[in-house]
Amino acid sequence: MTATSSARQSRFDKSLAQKETSAPDASNFLLDRLPGVVRNRLGAQLAPISLSLGQILHKPGDKIRTLYFPTTRMISVKI
């Protein structure tokens, strides 16, 4: 990646992050379908975060310590 494309990617990532955290109707299909009692119990442990395009969340063999519930984008799994 060149310096120009790196700067362009950085601006793109910041733009995505702003959209992610400012989306008024952001929700997650799976979380939305949980019973209210369960969703409320989980709610205290959930926090919005911003992810970068191409960011690796878990590597093969790593212990999974964090779950992600995307609200305005999708996450892919490579097996």
N, C-alpha and C. Protein backbone atom coordinates (compact mmCIF):
# COMPACT_ATOMS: atom_id res chain seq x y z
N MET A 1 0.85 -1.17 0.00
CA MET A 1 0.00 0.00 0.00
C MET A 1 0.90 1.24 0.00
N THR A 2 0.60 2.18 -0.85
CA THR A 2 1.39 3.41 -0.93
C THR A 2 0.92 4.39 0.14
N ALA A 3 1.70 5.45 0.36
CA ALA A 3 1.34 6.47 1.35
C ALA A 3 0.01 7.11 0.98
N THR A 4 -0.21 7.35 -0.32
CA THR A 4 -1.46 7.96 -0.77
C THR A 4 -2.64 7.03 -0.51
N SER A 5 -2.49 5.76 -0.89
CA SER A 5 -3.60 4.83 -0.67
C SER A 5 -3.79 4.57 0.82
N SER A 6 -2.72 4.61 1.60
CA SER A 6 -2.82 4.43 3.05
C SER A 6 -3.61 5.58 3.67
N ALA A 7 -3.34 6.81 3.24
CA ALA A 7 -4.08 7.97 3.74
C ALA A 7 -5.54 7.90 3.33
N ARG A 8 -5.77 7.49 2.09
CA ARG A 8 -7.14 7.35 1.59
C ARG A 8 -7.88 6.28 2.40
N GLN A 9 -7.22 5.15 2.69
CA GLN A 9 -7.82 4.08 3.47
C GLN A 9 -8.14 4.57 4.88
N SER A 10 -7.24 5.36 5.46
CA SER A 10 -7.44 5.89 6.80
C SER A 10 -8.68 6.78 6.85
N ARG A 11 -8.84 7.65 5.85
CA ARG A 11 -10.04 8.50 5.79
C ARG A 11 -11.29 7.65 5.61
N PHE A 12 -11.21 6.60 4.80
CA PHE A 12 -12.34 5.69 4.58
C PHE A 12 -12.71 5.00 5.89
N ASP A 13 -11.70 4.50 6.62
CA ASP A 13 -11.95 3.82 7.89
C ASP A 13 -12.61 4.76 8.90
N LYS A 14 -12.14 6.02 8.96
CA LYS A 14 -12.73 6.99 9.88
C LYS A 14 -14.17 7.28 9.49
N SER A 15 -14.44 7.36 8.20
CA SER A 15 -15.80 7.60 7.73
C SER A 15 -16.71 6.45 8.13
N LEU A 16 -16.23 5.21 7.97
CA LEU A 16 -17.02 4.05 8.38
C LEU A 16 -17.27 4.06 9.88
N ALA A 17 -16.26 4.40 10.65
CA ALA A 17 -16.39 4.44 12.10
C ALA A 17 -17.44 5.46 12.53
N GLN A 18 -17.45 6.63 11.89
CA GLN A 18 -18.44 7.64 12.21
C GLN A 18 -19.83 7.14 11.89
N LYS A 19 -20.01 6.49 10.75
CA LYS A 19 -21.32 5.97 10.39
C LYS A 19 -21.74 4.88 11.35
N GLU A 20 -20.80 4.04 11.74
CA GLU A 20 -21.08 2.92 12.65
C GLU A 20 -21.59 3.42 13.99
N THR A 21 -20.91 4.40 14.57
CA THR A 21 -21.27 4.85 15.92
C THR A 21 -22.41 5.87 15.91
N SER A 22 -22.72 6.46 14.77
CA SER A 22 -23.77 7.47 14.75
C SER A 22 -25.06 6.99 14.10
N ALA A 23 -25.11 5.73 13.70
CA ALA A 23 -26.31 5.22 13.04
C ALA A 23 -27.45 5.12 14.05
N PRO A 24 -28.51 5.91 13.88
CA PRO A 24 -29.59 5.93 14.87
C PRO A 24 -30.38 4.62 14.92
N ASP A 25 -30.44 3.89 13.84
CA ASP A 25 -31.23 2.67 13.81
C ASP A 25 -30.36 1.42 13.85
N ALA A 26 -29.14 1.55 14.38
CA ALA A 26 -28.22 0.42 14.45
C ALA A 26 -28.78 -0.64 15.39
N SER A 27 -28.84 -1.85 14.90
CA SER A 27 -29.28 -2.96 15.73
C SER A 27 -28.67 -4.24 15.17
N ASN A 28 -28.80 -5.30 15.92
CA ASN A 28 -28.26 -6.58 15.51
C ASN A 28 -29.40 -7.58 15.46
N PHE A 29 -29.52 -8.29 14.35
CA PHE A 29 -30.61 -9.24 14.14
C PHE A 29 -30.70 -10.26 15.26
N LEU A 30 -29.58 -10.82 15.66
CA LEU A 30 -29.57 -11.85 16.70
C LEU A 30 -29.96 -11.27 18.06
N LEU A 31 -29.34 -10.17 18.44
CA LEU A 31 -29.66 -9.56 19.74
C LEU A 31 -31.10 -9.07 19.81
N ASP A 32 -31.61 -8.57 18.70
CA ASP A 32 -32.99 -8.06 18.67
C ASP A 32 -34.02 -9.15 18.93
N ARG A 33 -33.67 -10.40 18.68
CA ARG A 33 -34.62 -11.50 18.84
C ARG A 33 -34.52 -12.22 20.17
N LEU A 34 -33.62 -11.78 21.02
CA LEU A 34 -33.52 -12.36 22.35
C LEU A 34 -34.66 -11.87 23.22
N PRO A 35 -35.11 -12.69 24.16
CA PRO A 35 -36.13 -12.20 25.11
C PRO A 35 -35.59 -10.97 25.86
N GLY A 36 -36.48 -10.06 26.21
CA GLY A 36 -36.09 -8.82 26.87
C GLY A 36 -35.24 -9.03 28.11
N VAL A 37 -35.57 -10.03 28.92
CA VAL A 37 -34.81 -10.30 30.14
C VAL A 37 -33.36 -10.63 29.81
N VAL A 38 -33.15 -11.46 28.80
CA VAL A 38 -31.79 -11.85 28.40
C VAL A 38 -31.06 -10.66 27.81
N ARG A 39 -31.72 -9.93 26.93
CA ARG A 39 -31.10 -8.76 26.30
C ARG A 39 -30.70 -7.72 27.35
N ASN A 40 -31.54 -7.50 28.35
CA ASN A 40 -31.22 -6.55 29.41
C ASN A 40 -30.02 -7.02 30.24
N ARG A 41 -29.94 -8.31 30.49
CA ARG A 41 -28.82 -8.85 31.26
C ARG A 41 -27.50 -8.69 30.49
N LEU A 42 -27.57 -8.90 29.18
CA LEU A 42 -26.37 -8.74 28.35
C LEU A 42 -26.01 -7.28 28.12
N GLY A 43 -27.02 -6.43 28.13
CA GLY A 43 -26.83 -5.02 27.79
C GLY A 43 -25.71 -4.33 28.54
N ALA A 44 -25.53 -4.67 29.82
CA ALA A 44 -24.49 -4.04 30.62
C ALA A 44 -23.09 -4.43 30.15
N GLN A 45 -22.99 -5.53 29.43
CA GLN A 45 -21.68 -6.00 28.97
C GLN A 45 -21.38 -5.62 27.52
N LEU A 46 -22.35 -5.03 26.84
CA LEU A 46 -22.18 -4.66 25.44
C LEU A 46 -21.68 -3.23 25.32
N ALA A 47 -20.78 -3.01 24.38
CA ALA A 47 -20.27 -1.66 24.14
C ALA A 47 -20.02 -1.50 22.65
N PRO A 48 -20.42 -0.37 22.08
CA PRO A 48 -20.15 -0.15 20.65
C PRO A 48 -18.65 0.07 20.43
N ILE A 49 -18.15 -0.49 19.35
CA ILE A 49 -16.74 -0.30 18.97
C ILE A 49 -16.68 -0.01 17.48
N SER A 50 -15.58 0.50 17.04
CA SER A 50 -15.34 0.72 15.61
C SER A 50 -14.30 -0.29 15.14
N LEU A 51 -14.54 -0.86 13.98
CA LEU A 51 -13.60 -1.80 13.39
C LEU A 51 -13.09 -1.22 12.08
N SER A 52 -11.86 -1.54 11.75
CA SER A 52 -11.26 -1.11 10.49
C SER A 52 -11.48 -2.17 9.42
N LEU A 53 -11.59 -1.74 8.20
CA LEU A 53 -11.72 -2.65 7.08
C LEU A 53 -10.51 -3.58 7.05
N GLY A 54 -10.75 -4.88 7.03
CA GLY A 54 -9.67 -5.85 6.99
C GLY A 54 -9.09 -6.20 8.35
N GLN A 55 -9.63 -5.63 9.40
CA GLN A 55 -9.11 -5.90 10.75
C GLN A 55 -9.35 -7.37 11.11
N ILE A 56 -8.33 -8.01 11.65
CA ILE A 56 -8.44 -9.41 12.06
C ILE A 56 -8.90 -9.44 13.51
N LEU A 57 -10.02 -10.13 13.76
CA LEU A 57 -10.59 -10.19 15.10
C LEU A 57 -10.08 -11.38 15.88
N HIS A 58 -9.90 -12.50 15.21
CA HIS A 58 -9.40 -13.72 15.84
C HIS A 58 -8.48 -14.43 14.85
N LYS A 59 -7.45 -15.05 15.36
CA LYS A 59 -6.57 -15.85 14.52
C LYS A 59 -6.83 -17.33 14.81
N PRO A 60 -6.62 -18.20 13.82
CA PRO A 60 -6.82 -19.62 14.04
C PRO A 60 -6.04 -20.11 15.26
N GLY A 61 -6.71 -20.86 16.11
CA GLY A 61 -6.07 -21.41 17.30
C GLY A 61 -6.16 -20.52 18.53
N ASP A 62 -6.48 -19.24 18.34
CA ASP A 62 -6.61 -18.32 19.49
C ASP A 62 -7.87 -18.65 20.28
N LYS A 63 -7.81 -18.45 21.57
CA LYS A 63 -8.98 -18.61 22.41
C LYS A 63 -9.92 -17.43 22.14
N ILE A 64 -11.18 -17.69 21.92
CA ILE A 64 -12.14 -16.61 21.66
C ILE A 64 -12.57 -16.02 23.00
N ARG A 65 -12.24 -14.75 23.19
CA ARG A 65 -12.55 -14.06 24.44
C ARG A 65 -13.58 -12.95 24.25
N THR A 66 -13.84 -12.60 23.01
CA THR A 66 -14.75 -11.50 22.71
C THR A 66 -15.72 -11.93 21.63
N LEU A 67 -16.98 -11.58 21.78
CA LEU A 67 -17.99 -11.82 20.76
C LEU A 67 -18.35 -10.48 20.13
N TYR A 68 -18.60 -10.50 18.84
CA TYR A 68 -18.95 -9.29 18.10
C TYR A 68 -20.35 -9.44 17.53
N PHE A 69 -21.15 -8.41 17.69
CA PHE A 69 -22.50 -8.38 17.16
C PHE A 69 -22.60 -7.15 16.25
N PRO A 70 -22.28 -7.31 14.97
CA PRO A 70 -22.28 -6.14 14.07
C PRO A 70 -23.68 -5.54 13.94
N THR A 71 -23.70 -4.22 13.81
CA THR A 71 -24.98 -3.51 13.72
C THR A 71 -25.21 -2.87 12.36
N THR A 72 -24.18 -2.39 11.70
CA THR A 72 -24.39 -1.72 10.42
C THR A 72 -23.54 -2.30 9.30
N ARG A 73 -22.73 -3.27 9.59
CA ARG A 73 -21.87 -3.93 8.60
C ARG A 73 -21.96 -5.43 8.82
N MET A 74 -21.09 -6.16 8.16
CA MET A 74 -21.03 -7.59 8.39
C MET A 74 -19.60 -8.00 8.66
N ILE A 75 -19.45 -9.13 9.29
CA ILE A 75 -18.14 -9.70 9.58
C ILE A 75 -18.09 -11.04 8.87
N SER A 76 -16.99 -11.31 8.20
CA SER A 76 -16.88 -12.61 7.52
C SER A 76 -15.90 -13.51 8.27
N VAL A 77 -16.13 -14.80 8.09
CA VAL A 77 -15.28 -15.80 8.71
C VAL A 77 -14.58 -16.57 7.60
N LYS A 78 -13.28 -16.67 7.72
CA LYS A 78 -12.49 -17.40 6.74
C LYS A 78 -12.03 -18.69 7.39
N ILE A 79 -12.42 -19.80 6.79
CA ILE A 79 -12.06 -21.11 7.35
C ILE A 79 -11.07 -21.79 6.46
